[in-house]
Amino acid sequence: MASTGRTSRSGRARALWAGVAAGGLATAVALLVVADGSLTSLGGDTAHPSATRGTPPAAAALRPRVVTRAQWGADEKIQDQKPHYSDAIHAVIVHHTDNPNGYDCADVPAMLRELYRQHAVDQGWGDLGYNFLVDKCGTVYEGRAGGIDRPVNGAHTVGLNQGTAGIAAIGTYSEGVPVPKPLLDSLVRLTAWKLGLSGVDPRLRAHLVSTDSRSRFPEHSAVNLPALSGHIDAYETHCPGEALERLLPTIREQAARLQSRAEADQQRAEAAQDNRGGGPAGRGGSTGSGGPVRLGGPVRLGGPVRLRGPVRPGGPDRPGPTGETSRGDRTTDRR
């Protein structure tokens, strides 16, 4: 399981219930916020999470442009398994692919098709191991199938594929190698969006559970990692390279700043909508006064009421836009 509520923690804790409306239905995710500010899910692995779960509006605003599998030419005939899902994404694990850095960004789709075949067929993982890949020009590509806005279990970090999203920087970023700014900017935005879908601050820590002792953690043991970690934090490897590993604190801070800015923008938009009469009262809902409106006496009008045009209500309620794979822990590190 990716994350459970069985981990004992000292100090005060409180349960927060986050409900998201979608299509008139509400779903809820239980989160446990413990005294040190870290985040643990009370949910577990699921093969088919609800498709009605909505996207938090602030997170939706951060969604980057993603080149889909169809657009980069994935041959779906070589994929031999159905996606599996966790309850939510609680952490992002950063990788690099070990490709030479001199590639032309126009050649990336062909590179992805080759990597896809290596993972799905040669390694026997059934699909790409990474959930997303980012090239040096900053283009974000869809990796493992199952839906980019859903908590798809990858095959990128042995023992910790549940509850995590694997993002791979295309290239090799060992000690002293410059990390291109477009790549860094896309890593920041992708992290802010993907963790924002679960309401996770990139600067916090995530509680996971190891499913394989080949990781740095014994099977079934509780794992406490930064919500944005490098592959090296979970597995004995040099991935994602020293250059990228040293930038992880910067990525955490910038991603958290993007989340805060998106949340502030969303709050301002909601306040402006309420001021225009588009809030609950303007849509025929409660006035928010706690009870019916009482007038001191009869209302007297000086004459007949004349309307200049048809009455238009504020508008209908419009909701915001709306696990471990069978092979997910067969990952072996090539680095």
C-alpha atoms as a PDB file:
ATOM      1  CA  MET A   1       0.000   0.000   0.000  1.00  0.00           C
ATOM      2  CA  ALA A   2       1.142   3.479  -0.784  1.00  0.00           C
ATOM      3  CA  SER A   3       0.098   5.095   2.421  1.00  0.00           C
ATOM      4  CA  THR A   4      -1.876   4.028   5.438  1.00  0.00           C
ATOM      5  CA  GLY A   5      -3.138   5.489   8.653  1.00  0.00           C
ATOM      6  CA  ARG A   6      -1.651   2.723  10.752  1.00  0.00           C
ATOM      7  CA  THR A   7       1.627   4.514  11.362  1.00  0.00           C
ATOM      8  CA  SER A   8       1.651   5.602  15.014  1.00  0.00           C
ATOM      9  CA  ARG A   9       2.698   9.172  15.659  1.00  0.00           C
ATOM     10  CA  SER A  10       3.118  11.056  18.925  1.00  0.00           C
ATOM     11  CA  GLY A  11       1.549  14.438  19.498  1.00  0.00           C
ATOM     12  CA  ARG A  12      -1.759  15.870  18.484  1.00  0.00           C
ATOM     13  CA  ALA A  13      -3.383  14.953  15.216  1.00  0.00           C
ATOM     14  CA  ARG A  14      -6.559  15.937  13.552  1.00  0.00           C
ATOM     15  CA  ALA A  15      -8.529  14.509  10.671  1.00  0.00           C
ATOM     16  CA  LEU A  16      -9.267  16.800   7.789  1.00  0.00           C
ATOM     17  CA  TRP A  17     -11.919  15.898   5.280  1.00  0.00           C
ATOM     18  CA  ALA A  18     -11.547  17.442   1.858  1.00  0.00           C
ATOM     19  CA  GLY A  19     -14.651  17.134  -0.255  1.00  0.00           C
ATOM     20  CA  VAL A  20     -14.581  17.816  -3.969  1.00  0.00           C
ATOM     21  CA  ALA A  21     -17.787  18.297  -5.919  1.00  0.00           C
ATOM     22  CA  ALA A  22     -18.038  16.959  -9.438  1.00  0.00           C
ATOM     23  CA  GLY A  23     -21.167  16.580 -11.521  1.00  0.00           C
ATOM     24  CA  GLY A  24     -23.328  17.153  -8.474  1.00  0.00           C
ATOM     25  CA  LEU A  25     -21.644  14.299  -6.603  1.00  0.00           C
ATOM     26  CA  ALA A  26     -19.204  14.714  -3.753  1.00  0.00           C
ATOM     27  CA  THR A  27     -16.228  12.569  -2.955  1.00  0.00           C
ATOM     28  CA  ALA A  28     -14.091  12.846   0.152  1.00  0.00           C
ATOM     29  CA  VAL A  29     -10.529  11.989   0.977  1.00  0.00           C
ATOM     30  CA  ALA A  30      -9.479  11.571   4.590  1.00  0.00           C
ATOM     31  CA  LEU A  31      -6.133  13.013   5.461  1.00  0.00           C
ATOM     32  CA  LEU A  32      -4.295  12.824   8.724  1.00  0.00           C
ATOM     33  CA  VAL A  33      -2.138  15.812   9.522  1.00  0.00           C
ATOM     34  CA  VAL A  34       0.262  14.920  12.289  1.00  0.00           C
ATOM     35  CA  ALA A  35       2.117  17.186  14.654  1.00  0.00           C
ATOM     36  CA  ASP A  36       5.200  17.605  12.444  1.00  0.00           C
ATOM     37  CA  GLY A  37       3.102  18.869   9.548  1.00  0.00           C
ATOM     38  CA  SER A  38       3.513  15.758   7.430  1.00  0.00           C
ATOM     39  CA  LEU A  39       0.732  14.166   5.468  1.00  0.00           C
ATOM     40  CA  THR A  40      -0.674  10.655   5.632  1.00  0.00           C
ATOM     41  CA  SER A  41      -3.559   9.142   3.734  1.00  0.00           C
ATOM     42  CA  LEU A  42      -6.121   6.911   5.403  1.00  0.00           C
ATOM     43  CA  GLY A  43      -6.992   5.430   2.012  1.00  0.00           C
ATOM     44  CA  GLY A  44      -5.426   2.461   0.273  1.00  0.00           C
ATOM     45  CA  ASP A  45      -4.663   1.004  -3.122  1.00  0.00           C
ATOM     46  CA  THR A  46      -7.494   0.803  -5.598  1.00  0.00           C
ATOM     47  CA  ALA A  47      -7.703  -0.584  -9.101  1.00  0.00           C
ATOM     48  CA  HIS A  48     -10.376   1.876 -10.250  1.00  0.00           C
ATOM     49  CA  PRO A  49     -10.646   5.197  -8.392  1.00  0.00           C
ATOM     50  CA  SER A  50     -13.827   7.159  -8.909  1.00  0.00           C
ATOM     51  CA  ALA A  51     -13.873   8.941 -12.228  1.00  0.00           C
ATOM     52  CA  THR A  52     -16.123  11.589 -10.674  1.00  0.00           C
ATOM     53  CA  ARG A  53     -13.430  12.931  -8.369  1.00  0.00           C
ATOM     54  CA  GLY A  54     -13.051  16.585  -9.249  1.00  0.00           C
ATOM     55  CA  THR A  55      -9.961  18.683  -9.753  1.00  0.00           C
ATOM     56  CA  PRO A  56      -9.383  21.458  -7.181  1.00  0.00           C
ATOM     57  CA  PRO A  57      -9.783  24.725  -9.119  1.00  0.00           C
ATOM     58  CA  ALA A  58      -6.470  26.164  -7.939  1.00  0.00           C
ATOM     59  CA  ALA A  59      -4.620  23.006  -9.037  1.00  0.00           C
ATOM     60  CA  ALA A  60      -6.424  23.000 -12.379  1.00  0.00           C
ATOM     61  CA  ALA A  61      -4.946  26.424 -13.129  1.00  0.00           C
ATOM     62  CA  LEU A  62      -1.427  24.987 -12.760  1.00  0.00           C
ATOM     63  CA  ARG A  63      -1.874  22.155 -15.234  1.00  0.00           C
ATOM     64  CA  PRO A  64       0.966  22.274 -17.775  1.00  0.00           C
ATOM     65  CA  ARG A  65       0.627  21.436 -21.427  1.00  0.00           C
ATOM     66  CA  VAL A  66       1.338  17.715 -21.755  1.00  0.00           C
ATOM     67  CA  VAL A  67       2.162  15.895 -24.986  1.00  0.00           C
ATOM     68  CA  THR A  68      -0.035  12.797 -24.908  1.00  0.00           C
ATOM     69  CA  ARG A  69       0.972   9.229 -25.674  1.00  0.00           C
ATOM     70  CA  ALA A  70      -0.958   9.390 -28.931  1.00  0.00           C
ATOM     71  CA  GLN A  71       0.892  12.572 -29.908  1.00  0.00           C
ATOM     72  CA  TRP A  72       4.350  11.086 -29.351  1.00  0.00           C
ATOM     73  CA  GLY A  73       3.339   7.871 -31.082  1.00  0.00           C
ATOM     74  CA  ALA A  74       3.091   5.233 -28.346  1.00  0.00           C
ATOM     75  CA  ASP A  75       2.282   1.818 -29.806  1.00  0.00           C
ATOM     76  CA  GLU A  76      -0.484   0.711 -27.455  1.00  0.00           C
ATOM     77  CA  LYS A  77      -0.336  -2.848 -28.814  1.00  0.00           C
ATOM     78  CA  ILE A  78       2.824  -3.527 -26.795  1.00  0.00           C
ATOM     79  CA  GLN A  79       1.207  -2.423 -23.543  1.00  0.00           C
ATOM     80  CA  ASP A  80       0.124  -5.630 -21.818  1.00  0.00           C
ATOM     81  CA  GLN A  81      -1.555  -4.510 -18.602  1.00  0.00           C
ATOM     82  CA  LYS A  82      -4.293  -2.255 -17.321  1.00  0.00           C
ATOM     83  CA  PRO A  83      -3.444   0.772 -15.172  1.00  0.00           C
ATOM     84  CA  HIS A  84      -3.657   0.462 -11.406  1.00  0.00           C
ATOM     85  CA  TYR A  85      -4.160   3.365  -9.050  1.00  0.00           C
ATOM     86  CA  SER A  86      -3.430   4.575  -5.545  1.00  0.00           C
ATOM     87  CA  ASP A  87      -5.861   6.622  -3.456  1.00  0.00           C
ATOM     88  CA  ALA A  88      -3.888   9.798  -4.247  1.00  0.00           C
ATOM     89  CA  ILE A  89      -0.413  11.046  -5.126  1.00  0.00           C
ATOM     90  CA  HIS A  90       1.445  11.906  -1.922  1.00  0.00           C
ATOM     91  CA  ALA A  91       4.967  12.353  -3.289  1.00  0.00           C
ATOM     92  CA  VAL A  92       6.834  13.013  -6.519  1.00  0.00           C
ATOM     93  CA  ILE A  93      10.050  11.125  -7.249  1.00  0.00           C
ATOM     94  CA  VAL A  94      12.494  12.811  -9.657  1.00  0.00           C
ATOM     95  CA  HIS A  95      14.649  10.729 -12.042  1.00  0.00           C
ATOM     96  CA  HIS A  96      16.906  11.208 -15.026  1.00  0.00           C
ATOM     97  CA  THR A  97      16.932   8.850 -18.008  1.00  0.00           C
ATOM     98  CA  ASP A  98      20.719   8.592 -18.585  1.00  0.00           C
ATOM     99  CA  ASN A  99      20.413   9.685 -22.214  1.00  0.00           C
ATOM    100  CA  PRO A 100      23.247  11.826 -23.629  1.00  0.00           C
ATOM    101  CA  ASN A 101      22.383  15.507 -23.267  1.00  0.00           C
ATOM    102  CA  GLY A 102      23.196  16.446 -26.857  1.00  0.00           C
ATOM    103  CA  TYR A 103      19.872  15.254 -28.260  1.00  0.00           C
ATOM    104  CA  ASP A 104      17.666  17.452 -30.438  1.00  0.00           C
ATOM    105  CA  CYS A 105      14.288  18.109 -28.806  1.00  0.00           C
ATOM    106  CA  ALA A 106      12.608  17.320 -32.134  1.00  0.00           C
ATOM    107  CA  ASP A 107      13.893  13.740 -31.735  1.00  0.00           C
ATOM    108  CA  VAL A 108      12.351  13.191 -28.296  1.00  0.00           C
ATOM    109  CA  PRO A 109       9.181  11.405 -29.520  1.00  0.00           C
ATOM    110  CA  ALA A 110      11.361   8.775 -31.234  1.00  0.00           C
ATOM    111  CA  MET A 111      13.485   8.489 -28.084  1.00  0.00           C
ATOM    112  CA  LEU A 112      10.350   7.936 -26.024  1.00  0.00           C
ATOM    113  CA  ARG A 113       9.127   5.206 -28.344  1.00  0.00           C
ATOM    114  CA  GLU A 114      12.424   3.371 -27.883  1.00  0.00           C
ATOM    115  CA  LEU A 115      12.384   3.836 -24.093  1.00  0.00           C
ATOM    116  CA  TYR A 116       8.761   2.653 -24.009  1.00  0.00           C
ATOM    117  CA  ARG A 117       9.703  -0.580 -25.781  1.00  0.00           C
ATOM    118  CA  GLN A 118      12.645  -1.113 -23.422  1.00  0.00           C
ATOM    119  CA  HIS A 119      10.446  -0.740 -20.337  1.00  0.00           C
ATOM    120  CA  ALA A 120       7.331  -2.522 -21.597  1.00  0.00           C
ATOM    121  CA  VAL A 121       8.942  -5.402 -23.474  1.00  0.00           C
ATOM    122  CA  ASP A 122      12.635  -5.798 -22.592  1.00  0.00           C
ATOM    123  CA  GLN A 123      12.213  -5.090 -18.868  1.00  0.00           C
ATOM    124  CA  GLY A 124       8.784  -6.738 -18.752  1.00  0.00           C
ATOM    125  CA  TRP A 125       7.088  -3.841 -16.958  1.00  0.00           C
ATOM    126  CA  GLY A 126       4.179  -3.745 -19.405  1.00  0.00           C
ATOM    127  CA  ASP A 127       4.450   0.005 -20.010  1.00  0.00           C
ATOM    128  CA  LEU A 128       6.708   2.993 -19.464  1.00  0.00           C
ATOM    129  CA  GLY A 129       7.921   3.096 -15.890  1.00  0.00           C
ATOM    130  CA  TYR A 130       7.759   6.891 -15.512  1.00  0.00           C
ATOM    131  CA  ASN A 131       4.497   8.785 -15.189  1.00  0.00           C
ATOM    132  CA  PHE A 132       5.912  11.888 -16.920  1.00  0.00           C
ATOM    133  CA  LEU A 133       9.048  12.838 -18.807  1.00  0.00           C
ATOM    134  CA  VAL A 134      10.446  16.333 -19.424  1.00  0.00           C
ATOM    135  CA  ASP A 135      13.003  17.224 -22.092  1.00  0.00           C
ATOM    136  CA  LYS A 136      15.671  19.924 -21.943  1.00  0.00           C
ATOM    137  CA  CYS A 137      13.429  22.307 -23.895  1.00  0.00           C
ATOM    138  CA  GLY A 138      10.809  22.090 -21.139  1.00  0.00           C
ATOM    139  CA  THR A 139       8.266  19.963 -23.015  1.00  0.00           C
ATOM    140  CA  VAL A 140       6.288  17.631 -20.741  1.00  0.00           C
ATOM    141  CA  TYR A 141       5.329  14.189 -22.054  1.00  0.00           C
ATOM    142  CA  GLU A 142       2.773  11.703 -20.767  1.00  0.00           C
ATOM    143  CA  GLY A 143       4.456   8.507 -19.637  1.00  0.00           C
ATOM    144  CA  ARG A 144       2.610   5.567 -18.135  1.00  0.00           C
ATOM    145  CA  ALA A 145      -0.978   5.160 -19.337  1.00  0.00           C
ATOM    146  CA  GLY A 146      -3.989   5.684 -17.088  1.00  0.00           C
ATOM    147  CA  GLY A 147      -4.716   9.426 -17.090  1.00  0.00           C
ATOM    148  CA  ILE A 148      -2.335  12.270 -16.335  1.00  0.00           C
ATOM    149  CA  ASP A 149      -4.606  13.755 -13.644  1.00  0.00           C
ATOM    150  CA  ARG A 150      -5.172  10.413 -11.894  1.00  0.00           C
ATOM    151  CA  PRO A 151      -2.974   8.644  -9.277  1.00  0.00           C
ATOM    152  CA  VAL A 152      -1.509   6.024 -11.615  1.00  0.00           C
ATOM    153  CA  ASN A 153       0.968   3.567 -10.109  1.00  0.00           C
ATOM    154  CA  GLY A 154       4.186   3.616 -12.100  1.00  0.00           C
ATOM    155  CA  ALA A 155       7.187   1.301 -12.240  1.00  0.00           C
ATOM    156  CA  HIS A 156       9.876   3.849 -11.476  1.00  0.00           C
ATOM    157  CA  THR A 157      10.890   3.372  -7.829  1.00  0.00           C
ATOM    158  CA  VAL A 158      11.054  -0.200  -6.567  1.00  0.00           C
ATOM    159  CA  GLY A 159       9.060  -0.555  -3.337  1.00  0.00           C
ATOM    160  CA  LEU A 160       7.558   2.927  -3.502  1.00  0.00           C
ATOM    161  CA  ASN A 161       5.486   3.001  -6.677  1.00  0.00           C
ATOM    162  CA  GLN A 162       2.206   3.291  -4.791  1.00  0.00           C
ATOM    163  CA  GLY A 163       1.211   6.834  -3.927  1.00  0.00           C
ATOM    164  CA  THR A 164       4.048   8.421  -5.901  1.00  0.00           C
ATOM    165  CA  ALA A 165       4.450   9.940  -9.358  1.00  0.00           C
ATOM    166  CA  GLY A 166       7.710   9.419 -11.213  1.00  0.00           C
ATOM    167  CA  ILE A 167       8.958  12.390 -13.253  1.00  0.00           C
ATOM    168  CA  ALA A 168      12.034  11.783 -15.401  1.00  0.00           C
ATOM    169  CA  ALA A 169      14.284  14.485 -16.796  1.00  0.00           C
ATOM    170  CA  ILE A 170      15.460  13.317 -20.221  1.00  0.00           C
ATOM    171  CA  GLY A 171      19.239  13.404 -20.102  1.00  0.00           C
ATOM    172  CA  THR A 172      22.066  12.820 -17.626  1.00  0.00           C
ATOM    173  CA  TYR A 173      22.463  15.329 -14.803  1.00  0.00           C
ATOM    174  CA  SER A 174      25.496  14.202 -12.867  1.00  0.00           C
ATOM    175  CA  GLU A 175      27.849  16.463 -10.909  1.00  0.00           C
ATOM    176  CA  GLY A 176      28.648  19.721 -12.685  1.00  0.00           C
ATOM    177  CA  VAL A 177      26.166  19.303 -15.550  1.00  0.00           C
ATOM    178  CA  PRO A 178      24.052  22.447 -16.083  1.00  0.00           C
ATOM    179  CA  VAL A 179      20.298  21.915 -15.745  1.00  0.00           C
ATOM    180  CA  PRO A 180      18.533  23.866 -18.515  1.00  0.00           C
ATOM    181  CA  LYS A 181      16.143  26.520 -17.192  1.00  0.00           C
ATOM    182  CA  PRO A 182      13.196  25.364 -19.371  1.00  0.00           C
ATOM    183  CA  LEU A 183      13.572  21.873 -17.883  1.00  0.00           C
ATOM    184  CA  LEU A 184      13.751  23.255 -14.349  1.00  0.00           C
ATOM    185  CA  ASP A 185      10.719  25.511 -14.865  1.00  0.00           C
ATOM    186  CA  SER A 186       8.658  22.593 -16.169  1.00  0.00           C
ATOM    187  CA  LEU A 187       9.689  20.392 -13.236  1.00  0.00           C
ATOM    188  CA  VAL A 188       8.495  23.146 -10.895  1.00  0.00           C
ATOM    189  CA  ARG A 189       5.120  23.553 -12.572  1.00  0.00           C
ATOM    190  CA  LEU A 190       4.519  19.821 -13.037  1.00  0.00           C
ATOM    191  CA  THR A 191       5.332  19.177  -9.371  1.00  0.00           C
ATOM    192  CA  ALA A 192       3.076  22.007  -8.187  1.00  0.00           C
ATOM    193  CA  TRP A 193       0.180  20.706 -10.281  1.00  0.00           C
ATOM    194  CA  LYS A 194       0.555  16.976  -9.604  1.00  0.00           C
ATOM    195  CA  LEU A 195       0.903  17.387  -5.831  1.00  0.00           C
ATOM    196  CA  GLY A 196      -1.744  20.131  -5.847  1.00  0.00           C
ATOM    197  CA  LEU A 197      -4.299  17.629  -7.153  1.00  0.00           C
ATOM    198  CA  SER A 198      -3.979  15.888  -3.759  1.00  0.00           C
ATOM    199  CA  GLY A 199      -3.619  19.097  -1.749  1.00  0.00           C
ATOM    200  CA  VAL A 200       0.034  18.308  -0.925  1.00  0.00           C
ATOM    201  CA  ASP A 201       2.536  21.076  -0.184  1.00  0.00           C
ATOM    202  CA  PRO A 202       5.868  20.120  -1.851  1.00  0.00           C
ATOM    203  CA  ARG A 203       7.767  21.333   1.222  1.00  0.00           C
ATOM    204  CA  LEU A 204       6.118  18.813   3.564  1.00  0.00           C
ATOM    205  CA  ARG A 205       6.925  15.156   4.114  1.00  0.00           C
ATOM    206  CA  ALA A 206       4.897  12.172   2.972  1.00  0.00           C
ATOM    207  CA  HIS A 207       4.216   8.923   4.816  1.00  0.00           C
ATOM    208  CA  LEU A 208       4.423   5.892   2.553  1.00  0.00           C
ATOM    209  CA  VAL A 209       4.801   2.150   3.099  1.00  0.00           C
ATOM    210  CA  SER A 210       7.523   0.129   1.390  1.00  0.00           C
ATOM    211  CA  THR A 211       6.307  -2.850  -0.630  1.00  0.00           C
ATOM    212  CA  ASP A 212       9.749  -4.284  -1.412  1.00  0.00           C
ATOM    213  CA  SER A 213      12.928  -4.721   0.617  1.00  0.00           C
ATOM    214  CA  ARG A 214      15.038  -3.994  -2.466  1.00  0.00           C
ATOM    215  CA  SER A 215      14.300  -0.342  -1.766  1.00  0.00           C
ATOM    216  CA  ARG A 216      16.117   1.484   1.010  1.00  0.00           C
ATOM    217  CA  PHE A 217      13.335   0.389   3.351  1.00  0.00           C
ATOM    218  CA  PRO A 218      12.269  -3.098   4.502  1.00  0.00           C
ATOM    219  CA  GLU A 219       9.017  -4.417   3.096  1.00  0.00           C
ATOM    220  CA  HIS A 220       5.938  -3.241   5.039  1.00  0.00           C
ATOM    221  CA  SER A 221       7.965  -0.610   6.909  1.00  0.00           C
ATOM    222  CA  ALA A 222       6.760   2.975   7.289  1.00  0.00           C
ATOM    223  CA  VAL A 223       8.637   5.464   5.105  1.00  0.00           C
ATOM    224  CA  ASN A 224       8.893   9.204   5.708  1.00  0.00           C
ATOM    225  CA  LEU A 225      10.197  11.075   2.665  1.00  0.00           C
ATOM    226  CA  PRO A 226      10.017  14.657   1.422  1.00  0.00           C
ATOM    227  CA  ALA A 227       6.959  15.123  -0.783  1.00  0.00           C
ATOM    228  CA  LEU A 228       9.462  15.903  -3.559  1.00  0.00           C
ATOM    229  CA  SER A 229      12.337  13.423  -3.466  1.00  0.00           C
ATOM    230  CA  GLY A 230      15.040  12.109  -5.732  1.00  0.00           C
ATOM    231  CA  HIS A 231      15.234   8.458  -6.758  1.00  0.00           C
ATOM    232  CA  ILE A 232      18.389   8.157  -4.660  1.00  0.00           C
ATOM    233  CA  ASP A 233      16.317   8.856  -1.533  1.00  0.00           C
ATOM    234  CA  ALA A 234      14.305   5.692  -2.127  1.00  0.00           C
ATOM    235  CA  TYR A 235      16.726   3.328  -3.853  1.00  0.00           C
ATOM    236  CA  GLU A 236      20.463   2.627  -4.021  1.00  0.00           C
ATOM    237  CA  THR A 237      21.277   4.590  -7.182  1.00  0.00           C
ATOM    238  CA  HIS A 238      22.892   7.790  -8.426  1.00  0.00           C
ATOM    239  CA  CYS A 239      19.636   8.898 -10.069  1.00  0.00           C
ATOM    240  CA  PRO A 240      18.616  11.705 -10.662  1.00  0.00           C
ATOM    241  CA  GLY A 241      22.232  12.818 -10.634  1.00  0.00           C
ATOM    242  CA  GLU A 242      23.947  15.220  -8.257  1.00  0.00           C
ATOM    243  CA  ALA A 243      23.069  18.295 -10.331  1.00  0.00           C
ATOM    244  CA  LEU A 244      19.329  17.647 -10.151  1.00  0.00           C
ATOM    245  CA  GLU A 245      19.426  16.380  -6.575  1.00  0.00           C
ATOM    246  CA  ARG A 246      20.938  19.669  -5.399  1.00  0.00           C
ATOM    247  CA  LEU A 247      18.121  21.597  -7.076  1.00  0.00           C
ATOM    248  CA  LEU A 248      15.316  19.725  -5.294  1.00  0.00           C
ATOM    249  CA  PRO A 249      15.070  22.294  -2.434  1.00  0.00           C
ATOM    250  CA  THR A 250      14.688  25.043  -5.051  1.00  0.00           C
ATOM    251  CA  ILE A 251      12.018  23.070  -6.899  1.00  0.00           C
ATOM    252  CA  ARG A 252      10.110  22.503  -3.630  1.00  0.00           C
ATOM    253  CA  GLU A 253      10.091  26.187  -2.762  1.00  0.00           C
ATOM    254  CA  GLN A 254       9.160  27.395  -6.233  1.00  0.00           C
ATOM    255  CA  ALA A 255       6.432  24.771  -6.612  1.00  0.00           C
ATOM    256  CA  ALA A 256       4.943  25.746  -3.247  1.00  0.00           C
ATOM    257  CA  ARG A 257       5.031  29.390  -4.326  1.00  0.00           C
ATOM    258  CA  LEU A 258       3.131  28.531  -7.504  1.00  0.00           C
ATOM    259  CA  GLN A 259       0.506  26.661  -5.468  1.00  0.00           C
ATOM    260  CA  SER A 260       0.073  29.620  -3.105  1.00  0.00           C
ATOM    261  CA  ARG A 261      -0.255  32.046  -5.999  1.00  0.00           C
ATOM    262  CA  ALA A 262      -2.856  29.859  -7.723  1.00  0.00           C
ATOM    263  CA  GLU A 263      -4.829  29.558  -4.486  1.00  0.00           C
ATOM    264  CA  ALA A 264      -4.767  33.334  -3.980  1.00  0.00           C
ATOM    265  CA  ASP A 265      -5.917  33.880  -7.570  1.00  0.00           C
ATOM    266  CA  GLN A 266      -8.757  31.423  -7.049  1.00  0.00           C
ATOM    267  CA  GLN A 267      -9.877  33.166  -3.854  1.00  0.00           C
ATOM    268  CA  ARG A 268      -9.860  36.548  -5.606  1.00  0.00           C
ATOM    269  CA  ALA A 269     -11.890  35.126  -8.491  1.00  0.00           C
ATOM    270  CA  GLU A 270     -14.458  33.657  -6.102  1.00  0.00           C
ATOM    271  CA  ALA A 271     -14.700  36.951  -4.184  1.00  0.00           C
ATOM    272  CA  ALA A 272     -15.194  38.868  -7.426  1.00  0.00           C
ATOM    273  CA  GLN A 273     -17.920  36.429  -8.487  1.00  0.00           C
ATOM    274  CA  ASP A 274     -19.713  36.906  -5.162  1.00  0.00           C
ATOM    275  CA  ASN A 275     -19.486  40.691  -5.519  1.00  0.00           C
ATOM    276  CA  ARG A 276     -21.113  40.442  -8.933  1.00  0.00           C
ATOM    277  CA  GLY A 277     -24.002  38.459  -7.484  1.00  0.00           C
ATOM    278  CA  GLY A 278     -22.718  35.188  -8.830  1.00  0.00           C
ATOM    279  CA  GLY A 279     -22.315  33.631  -5.379  1.00  0.00           C
ATOM    280  CA  PRO A 280     -24.810  31.407  -3.585  1.00  0.00           C
ATOM    281  CA  ALA A 281     -27.340  34.223  -3.022  1.00  0.00           C
ATOM    282  CA  GLY A 282     -27.097  35.356  -6.652  1.00  0.00           C
ATOM    283  CA  ARG A 283     -27.837  31.820  -7.800  1.00  0.00           C
ATOM    284  CA  GLY A 284     -30.954  31.519  -5.702  1.00  0.00           C
ATOM    285  CA  GLY A 285     -29.229  29.907  -2.728  1.00  0.00           C
ATOM    286  CA  SER A 286     -29.080  30.935   0.902  1.00  0.00           C
ATOM    287  CA  THR A 287     -28.321  34.530   1.716  1.00  0.00           C
ATOM    288  CA  GLY A 288     -25.906  33.309   4.358  1.00  0.00           C
ATOM    289  CA  SER A 289     -27.776  35.190   7.105  1.00  0.00           C
ATOM    290  CA  GLY A 290     -28.555  32.005   9.025  1.00  0.00           C
ATOM    291  CA  GLY A 291     -32.333  32.240   8.453  1.00  0.00           C
ATOM    292  CA  PRO A 292     -35.076  33.799   6.349  1.00  0.00           C
ATOM    293  CA  VAL A 293     -35.036  37.517   5.631  1.00  0.00           C
ATOM    294  CA  ARG A 294     -37.607  39.357   7.797  1.00  0.00           C
ATOM    295  CA  LEU A 295     -38.873  42.772   6.830  1.00  0.00           C
ATOM    296  CA  GLY A 296     -40.093  45.261   9.410  1.00  0.00           C
ATOM    297  CA  GLY A 297     -43.353  45.891   7.557  1.00  0.00           C
ATOM    298  CA  PRO A 298     -45.028  45.657   4.184  1.00  0.00           C
ATOM    299  CA  VAL A 299     -43.052  46.785   1.214  1.00  0.00           C
ATOM    300  CA  ARG A 300     -44.635  49.790  -0.526  1.00  0.00           C
ATOM    301  CA  LEU A 301     -43.653  50.598  -4.039  1.00  0.00           C
ATOM    302  CA  GLY A 302     -44.205  54.020  -5.516  1.00  0.00           C
ATOM    303  CA  GLY A 303     -45.523  52.553  -8.756  1.00  0.00           C
ATOM    304  CA  PRO A 304     -45.446  49.486 -10.918  1.00  0.00           C
ATOM    305  CA  VAL A 305     -42.112  47.756 -11.365  1.00  0.00           C
ATOM    306  CA  ARG A 306     -40.892  47.971 -14.938  1.00  0.00           C
ATOM    307  CA  LEU A 307     -38.179  45.609 -16.117  1.00  0.00           C
ATOM    308  CA  ARG A 308     -35.972  46.668 -18.996  1.00  0.00           C
ATOM    309  CA  GLY A 309     -35.481  43.081 -20.140  1.00  0.00           C
ATOM    310  CA  PRO A 310     -35.884  39.463 -19.110  1.00  0.00           C
ATOM    311  CA  VAL A 311     -34.711  38.442 -15.672  1.00  0.00           C
ATOM    312  CA  ARG A 312     -31.470  36.535 -15.815  1.00  0.00           C
ATOM    313  CA  PRO A 313     -30.387  34.565 -12.741  1.00  0.00           C
ATOM    314  CA  GLY A 314     -26.806  34.394 -11.621  1.00  0.00           C
ATOM    315  CA  GLY A 315     -26.409  31.137 -13.540  1.00  0.00           C
ATOM    316  CA  PRO A 316     -26.453  27.462 -12.671  1.00  0.00           C
ATOM    317  CA  ASP A 317     -23.916  25.976 -10.324  1.00  0.00           C
ATOM    318  CA  ARG A 318     -20.937  24.987 -12.377  1.00  0.00           C
ATOM    319  CA  PRO A 319     -18.583  22.641 -10.584  1.00  0.00           C
ATOM    320  CA  GLY A 320     -14.896  22.942 -11.253  1.00  0.00           C
ATOM    321  CA  PRO A 321     -13.314  20.751 -13.933  1.00  0.00           C
ATOM    322  CA  THR A 322     -13.486  17.777 -13.020  1.00  0.00           C
ATOM    323  CA  GLY A 323      -2.724   0.940  -7.168  1.00  0.00           C
ATOM    324  CA  GLU A 324       0.252  -0.719  -7.540  1.00  0.00           C
ATOM    325  CA  THR A 325       0.512  -2.223 -11.010  1.00  0.00           C
ATOM    326  CA  SER A 326       0.742  -5.940 -11.390  1.00  0.00           C
ATOM    327  CA  ARG A 327       4.327  -5.319 -12.494  1.00  0.00           C
ATOM    328  CA  GLY A 328       4.889  -2.038 -10.726  1.00  0.00           C
ATOM    329  CA  ASP A 329       7.535  -3.284  -8.315  1.00  0.00           C
ATOM    330  CA  ARG A 330       9.572  -5.318 -10.765  1.00  0.00           C
ATOM    331  CA  THR A 331      11.715  -2.285 -11.432  1.00  0.00           C
ATOM    332  CA  THR A 332      15.432  -2.812 -11.577  1.00  0.00           C
ATOM    333  CA  ASP A 333      17.778   0.113 -11.675  1.00  0.00           C
ATOM    334  CA  ARG A 334      19.970   0.324 -14.745  1.00  0.00           C
ATOM    335  CA  ARG A 335      22.151   3.006 -13.223  1.00  0.00           C
END
